[in-house]
């Protein structure tokens, strides 16, 4: 589909031939048909051209392909994303709707299926469609952002009231991480910084949930910056406690979170004085555990680099007072 008109020629073929396989009994066939439709439905030249910036829906030219045929196939794909029995097929649909489709998907009558996918049972599908909606909110924020704000509030409530269901709390935390990582959605998070910090499960939880919560805390520091300062005394002890854990994955996430908090809030050098055991705990990973994974050892070096250097005499006197007090 390199020529300017080849995309138009493929549309009847996609609608009349390839779309028939979207209802095939085999999920593998449906998956391949989905990928084919997503790749060929719009020519790549019709997407975001190199060097162009689009800020509104009116900046797009929608006249290069047969819109009615294209939207007919697109609506079939959206129905498949909602109703297909295979989570792999549903995920392929959402992933296949790249930035070429943004000027179409952001229109009001195509948004409801995407919001239905937010209720999908597969976490990967929910996370992927949340990223997609965040991308679309740049083009048409009015119908998208209020609904996503309600989604964020529901996730915070799930964290607070999830009880002993670690699976649902982990899913809610991972979706909050998506909110924190998608630049267009960060504006929704800032008013809820306090609520998210209070809701994150950081005490007496399973190791997997703890790691995800620490990861969310690090991403929150990248968004909140100095707004996180009032909670440093509350949060840093939880991080140091997990640095001592024997689980290398938890150690790595804890060190990464500490580095992000230090970088985002400007809380550098002072942690060595406020928590004299920090240097010993982190440095202990390097020489004493020869089999420590390289990504863990690398995270120690990176965290030391972010925290900065301290006068050795000042650090020595602080550690001496700590030992004397102990």
Protein backbone atom coordinates (compact mmCIF):
# COMPACT_ATOMS: atom_id res chain seq x y z
CA UNK A 1 0.00 0.00 0.00
CA UNK A 2 2.67 2.49 -1.03
CA UNK A 3 0.72 4.41 -3.67
CA UNK A 4 -1.70 7.20 -2.74
CA UNK A 5 -4.76 5.27 -3.91
CA UNK A 6 -3.85 1.73 -2.89
CA UNK A 7 -5.48 2.21 0.51
CA UNK A 8 -8.82 2.88 -1.21
CA UNK A 9 -8.46 -0.25 -3.33
CA UNK A 10 -7.87 -2.42 -0.29
CA UNK A 11 -10.93 -1.27 1.62
CA UNK A 12 -13.51 -3.40 -0.25
CA UNK A 13 -11.19 -6.39 0.05
CA UNK A 14 -10.86 -5.86 3.80
CA UNK A 15 -14.61 -5.48 4.26
CA UNK A 16 -15.72 -8.34 2.02
CA UNK A 17 -12.94 -10.89 2.59
CA UNK A 18 -10.75 -10.27 5.65
CA UNK A 19 -13.62 -9.18 7.91
CA UNK A 20 -15.29 -12.55 7.36
CA UNK A 21 -12.46 -14.13 9.35
CA UNK A 22 -13.16 -11.89 12.35
CA UNK A 23 -15.95 -14.38 13.17
CA UNK A 24 -13.90 -17.53 12.56
CA UNK A 25 -14.13 -20.21 15.30
CA UNK A 26 -10.34 -20.24 15.73
CA UNK A 27 -8.93 -17.47 17.90
CA UNK A 28 -5.64 -17.67 15.99
CA UNK A 29 -7.43 -16.91 12.72
CA UNK A 30 -9.37 -14.05 14.31
CA UNK A 31 -6.12 -12.65 15.70
CA UNK A 32 -4.40 -12.69 12.31
CA UNK A 33 -7.46 -11.15 10.64
CA UNK A 34 -7.45 -8.42 13.28
CA UNK A 35 -3.78 -7.63 12.73
CA UNK A 36 -4.30 -7.56 8.95
CA UNK A 37 -7.25 -5.17 9.21
CA UNK A 38 -5.43 -2.83 11.58
CA UNK A 39 -2.35 -2.71 9.36
CA UNK A 40 -4.14 -2.21 6.04
CA UNK A 41 -7.26 -0.25 6.96
CA UNK A 42 -5.43 3.07 6.84
CA UNK A 43 -2.28 3.73 4.84
CA UNK A 44 0.63 4.75 7.00
CA UNK A 45 1.05 7.93 4.98
CA UNK A 46 -2.38 9.01 6.21
CA UNK A 47 -1.26 8.94 9.86
CA UNK A 48 0.90 11.44 11.64
CA UNK A 49 3.37 12.65 9.07
CA UNK A 50 6.93 13.20 10.07
CA UNK A 51 7.47 16.68 11.45
CA UNK A 52 3.74 17.51 11.75
CA UNK A 53 2.04 18.44 14.99
CA UNK A 54 -1.73 18.08 15.34
CA UNK A 55 -3.45 19.79 18.23
CA UNK A 56 -7.11 19.63 17.24
CA UNK A 57 -9.42 17.38 15.27
CA UNK A 58 -9.75 20.07 12.59
CA UNK A 59 -6.04 19.80 11.76
CA UNK A 60 -6.56 16.34 10.26
CA UNK A 61 -7.49 15.65 6.67
CA UNK A 62 -10.03 12.83 6.59
CA UNK A 63 -10.64 12.79 2.88
CA UNK A 64 -7.92 10.48 1.55
CA UNK A 65 -9.82 7.21 2.04
CA UNK A 66 -13.39 6.11 1.69
CA UNK A 67 -14.62 7.10 5.12
CA UNK A 68 -17.79 5.04 5.10
CA UNK A 69 -16.01 1.77 4.27
CA UNK A 70 -13.22 2.51 6.70
CA UNK A 71 -15.62 3.27 9.56
CA UNK A 72 -17.63 0.15 8.83
CA UNK A 73 -14.54 -2.02 9.30
CA UNK A 74 -13.41 0.05 12.27
CA UNK A 75 -16.72 -0.47 14.04
CA UNK A 76 -16.41 -4.22 13.48
CA UNK A 77 -12.99 -4.12 15.10
CA UNK A 78 -14.34 -2.18 18.06
CA UNK A 79 -17.15 -4.69 18.52
CA UNK A 80 -14.54 -7.44 18.46
CA UNK A 81 -12.52 -5.61 21.13
CA UNK A 82 -15.57 -5.66 23.39
CA UNK A 83 -17.07 -9.07 22.73
CA UNK A 84 -14.41 -11.54 21.55
CA UNK A 85 -13.92 -14.50 23.87
CA UNK A 86 -10.14 -14.46 23.54
CA UNK A 87 -8.25 -11.80 25.54
CA UNK A 88 -5.38 -12.10 23.04
CA UNK A 89 -7.66 -11.06 20.18
CA UNK A 90 -9.12 -8.20 22.22
CA UNK A 91 -5.63 -7.00 23.05
CA UNK A 92 -4.54 -7.22 19.39
CA UNK A 93 -7.41 -4.94 18.39
CA UNK A 94 -6.52 -2.26 20.92
CA UNK A 95 -2.80 -2.44 20.17
CA UNK A 96 -3.47 -2.31 16.44
CA UNK A 97 -5.37 0.98 16.74
CA UNK A 98 -2.26 3.15 16.61
CA UNK A 99 -1.97 6.91 16.14
CA UNK A 100 -3.21 6.70 12.52
CA UNK A 101 -6.70 6.06 13.88
CA UNK A 102 -6.75 8.87 16.45
CA UNK A 103 -8.75 11.41 14.39
CA UNK A 104 -11.46 8.78 13.88
CA UNK A 105 -11.52 7.15 17.31
CA UNK A 106 -11.77 10.44 19.18
CA UNK A 107 -15.18 11.13 17.62
CA UNK A 108 -18.00 10.87 20.09
CA UNK A 109 -19.92 7.96 18.52
CA UNK A 110 -16.81 5.70 18.50
CA UNK A 111 -15.81 6.29 22.13
CA UNK A 112 -18.43 4.13 23.99
CA UNK A 113 -16.89 0.78 22.93
CA UNK A 114 -13.50 1.94 24.19
CA UNK A 115 -14.94 2.82 27.59
CA UNK A 116 -16.61 -0.60 27.69
CA UNK A 117 -13.18 -2.19 27.19
CA UNK A 118 -12.06 -0.45 30.38
CA UNK A 119 -14.20 -3.04 32.19
CA UNK A 120 -12.40 -5.96 30.50
CA UNK A 121 -11.45 -8.90 32.70
CA UNK A 122 -7.87 -8.93 31.33
CA UNK A 123 -5.63 -6.36 32.99
CA UNK A 124 -3.40 -6.01 29.92
CA UNK A 125 -6.40 -5.05 27.78
CA UNK A 126 -7.57 -2.48 30.33
CA UNK A 127 -4.11 -0.95 30.59
CA UNK A 128 -3.73 -0.79 26.81
CA UNK A 129 -7.10 0.90 26.22
CA UNK A 130 -6.35 3.36 29.03
CA UNK A 131 -3.19 4.39 27.18
CA UNK A 132 -5.22 4.72 23.99
CA UNK A 133 -7.84 6.94 25.66
CA UNK A 134 -5.08 9.06 27.14
CA UNK A 135 -3.72 9.59 23.64
CA UNK A 136 -7.17 10.46 22.31
CA UNK A 137 -7.78 12.96 25.11
CA UNK A 138 -5.30 15.30 23.45
CA UNK A 139 -7.64 15.60 20.46
CA UNK A 140 -11.05 15.54 22.14
CA UNK A 141 -10.70 16.04 25.91
CA UNK A 142 -14.29 17.08 26.70
CA UNK A 143 -15.96 13.62 26.51
CA UNK A 144 -12.89 11.65 27.61
CA UNK A 145 -11.26 13.30 30.62
CA UNK A 146 -14.35 13.47 32.89
CA UNK A 147 -14.97 9.75 32.38
CA UNK A 148 -11.32 8.90 33.03
CA UNK A 149 -11.42 11.02 36.18
CA UNK A 150 -14.25 8.83 37.45
CA UNK A 151 -12.20 5.75 36.54
CA UNK A 152 -9.28 7.07 38.59
CA UNK A 153 -11.55 7.73 41.57
CA UNK A 154 -12.92 4.19 41.34
CA UNK A 155 -9.37 2.79 41.32
CA UNK A 156 -8.50 4.74 44.47
CA UNK A 157 -11.65 3.45 46.16
CA UNK A 158 -10.70 -0.10 45.09
CA UNK A 159 -7.31 0.33 46.77
CA UNK A 160 -8.90 1.56 49.97
CA UNK A 161 -11.74 -0.93 50.16
CA UNK A 162 -10.27 -3.94 48.37
CA UNK A 163 -9.86 -5.78 51.66
CA UNK A 164 -7.93 -9.04 51.40
CA UNK A 165 -8.31 -9.30 47.63
CA UNK A 166 -4.71 -8.62 46.63
CA UNK A 167 -5.47 -9.39 42.98
CA UNK A 168 -7.93 -6.52 42.58
CA UNK A 169 -5.69 -4.13 44.51
CA UNK A 170 -2.71 -5.05 42.35
CA UNK A 171 -4.77 -4.47 39.20
CA UNK A 172 -5.94 -1.09 40.50
CA UNK A 173 -2.36 -0.11 41.36
CA UNK A 174 -1.07 -1.10 37.91
CA UNK A 175 -3.78 0.98 36.25
CA UNK A 176 -2.88 3.96 38.43
CA UNK A 177 0.70 3.51 37.18
CA UNK A 178 -0.66 3.90 33.64
CA UNK A 179 -2.32 7.17 34.68
CA UNK A 180 1.02 8.34 36.07
CA UNK A 181 3.04 7.38 32.99
CA UNK A 182 0.74 8.76 30.27
CA UNK A 183 1.54 12.45 30.05
CA UNK A 184 -1.95 13.43 28.92
CA UNK A 185 -3.47 11.79 32.02
CA UNK A 186 -1.11 13.25 34.61
CA UNK A 187 -3.31 16.33 34.95
CA UNK A 188 -6.02 14.06 36.35
CA UNK A 189 -3.70 12.59 38.97
CA UNK A 190 -2.35 15.78 40.55
CA UNK A 191 -5.50 16.65 42.56
CA UNK A 192 -5.52 13.10 44.00
CA UNK A 193 -1.89 12.86 45.16
CA UNK A 194 -2.83 12.76 48.83
CA UNK A 195 -5.57 10.17 48.25
CA UNK A 196 -3.27 7.91 46.23
CA UNK A 197 -0.52 8.01 48.86
CA UNK A 198 -2.97 7.17 51.63
CA UNK A 199 -4.51 4.35 49.58
CA UNK A 200 -1.32 2.61 48.37
CA UNK A 201 -0.88 -0.71 50.24
CA UNK A 202 2.61 -0.44 51.75
CA UNK A 203 2.19 -2.38 55.00
CA UNK A 204 1.51 -6.09 55.64
CA UNK A 205 0.85 -7.06 52.02
CA UNK A 206 2.11 -9.78 49.69
CA UNK A 207 5.55 -9.19 48.11
CA UNK A 208 4.09 -8.85 44.62
CA UNK A 209 1.62 -6.19 45.71
CA UNK A 210 4.33 -4.40 47.69
CA UNK A 211 6.59 -4.23 44.62
CA UNK A 212 3.79 -2.80 42.48
CA UNK A 213 2.93 -0.24 45.18
CA UNK A 214 6.55 0.89 45.40
CA UNK A 215 6.69 1.18 41.62
CA UNK A 216 3.56 3.36 41.72
CA UNK A 217 5.16 5.49 44.42
CA UNK A 218 8.21 6.09 42.23
CA UNK A 219 6.02 7.09 39.27
CA UNK A 220 4.04 9.38 41.57
CA UNK A 221 7.26 11.15 42.53
CA UNK A 222 7.93 11.84 38.84
CA UNK A 223 4.56 13.57 38.60
CA UNK A 224 4.19 15.23 42.01
CA UNK A 225 7.78 16.49 42.43
CA UNK A 226 8.00 18.75 45.51
CA UNK A 227 4.31 18.18 46.32
CA UNK A 228 5.44 14.84 47.75
CA UNK A 229 7.65 16.46 50.41
CA UNK A 230 5.08 16.38 53.26
CA UNK A 231 4.95 12.58 53.05
CA UNK A 232 8.70 11.84 52.87
CA UNK A 233 9.01 10.98 56.57
CA UNK A 234 6.11 8.58 56.18
CA UNK A 235 7.24 6.89 52.97
CA UNK A 236 11.03 6.54 53.16
CA UNK A 237 11.01 4.11 56.13
CA UNK A 238 8.82 1.71 54.11
CA UNK A 239 11.33 1.88 51.26
CA UNK A 240 14.32 1.22 53.53
CA UNK A 241 12.54 -1.73 55.09
CA UNK A 242 12.12 -3.33 51.67
CA UNK A 243 15.75 -2.67 50.72
CA UNK A 244 16.63 -5.15 53.48
CA UNK A 245 14.38 -7.81 51.98
CA UNK A 246 16.01 -10.95 50.56
CA UNK A 247 13.90 -10.70 47.41
CA UNK A 248 16.14 -9.09 44.78
CA UNK A 249 13.11 -7.85 42.82
CA UNK A 250 11.77 -5.97 45.84
CA UNK A 251 15.23 -4.58 46.54
CA UNK A 252 15.58 -3.31 42.99
CA UNK A 253 12.14 -1.68 42.97
CA UNK A 254 12.79 -0.11 46.38
CA UNK A 255 16.11 1.38 45.25
CA UNK A 256 14.54 2.64 42.04
CA UNK A 257 11.70 4.25 43.98
CA UNK A 258 14.11 5.91 46.38
CA UNK A 259 16.08 7.33 43.46
CA UNK A 260 12.93 8.66 41.78
CA UNK A 261 11.74 10.28 45.00
CA UNK A 262 15.14 11.88 45.54
CA UNK A 263 15.24 13.15 41.96
CA UNK A 264 11.64 14.36 41.87
CA UNK A 265 11.58 16.10 45.26
CA UNK A 266 15.19 17.26 45.53
CA UNK A 267 15.60 15.15 48.66
CA UNK A 268 19.31 14.49 48.15
CA UNK A 269 22.24 14.09 50.60
CA UNK A 270 19.84 14.55 53.53
CA UNK A 271 18.69 10.89 53.45
CA UNK A 272 22.20 9.84 54.52
CA UNK A 273 21.82 11.97 57.66
CA UNK A 274 18.16 11.28 58.36
CA UNK A 275 18.66 7.52 57.91
CA UNK A 276 22.30 6.66 58.70
CA UNK A 277 21.65 2.97 58.00
CA UNK A 278 20.80 3.74 54.36
CA UNK A 279 24.36 3.76 53.05
CA UNK A 280 25.24 0.55 54.85
CA UNK A 281 22.08 -1.24 53.65
CA UNK A 282 22.56 -0.27 50.02
CA UNK A 283 26.33 -0.78 49.91
CA UNK A 284 25.93 -4.20 51.54
CA UNK A 285 24.30 -5.47 48.36
CA UNK A 286 27.49 -4.95 46.35
CA UNK A 287 30.32 -6.88 48.05
CA UNK A 288 28.55 -9.45 50.19
CA UNK A 289 26.15 -10.93 47.62
CA UNK A 290 28.38 -11.88 44.71
CA UNK A 291 25.49 -13.51 42.93
CA UNK A 292 23.27 -10.43 43.06
CA UNK A 293 21.75 -9.76 39.62
CA UNK A 294 23.47 -7.07 37.65
CA UNK A 295 20.26 -5.00 37.36
CA UNK A 296 20.12 -4.86 41.17
CA UNK A 297 23.76 -3.82 41.49
CA UNK A 298 23.28 -1.25 38.74
CA UNK A 299 20.28 0.19 40.61
CA UNK A 300 22.47 0.65 43.70
CA UNK A 301 24.98 2.67 41.68
CA UNK A 302 22.22 4.72 40.07
CA UNK A 303 20.59 5.48 43.43
CA UNK A 304 23.92 6.54 44.94
CA UNK A 305 24.41 8.85 41.97
CA UNK A 306 21.01 10.49 42.47
CA UNK A 307 21.38 10.86 46.24
CA UNK A 308 24.69 12.65 45.78
CA UNK A 309 27.89 12.82 47.80
CA UNK A 310 28.28 13.70 51.47
CA UNK A 311 31.26 14.92 53.43
CA UNK A 312 32.89 11.69 54.77
CA UNK A 313 33.66 13.29 58.15
CA UNK A 314 30.06 14.37 58.55
CA UNK A 315 28.80 10.93 57.54
CA UNK A 316 31.30 9.20 59.84
CA UNK A 317 30.25 11.24 62.85
CA UNK A 318 26.59 10.56 62.07
CA UNK A 319 27.19 6.79 61.85
CA UNK A 320 29.26 6.88 65.04
CA UNK A 321 26.44 8.58 66.93
CA UNK A 322 24.01 6.01 65.60
CA UNK A 323 26.13 3.08 66.78
CA UNK A 324 26.71 4.76 70.14
CA UNK A 325 22.99 5.33 70.55
CA UNK A 326 22.31 1.68 69.64
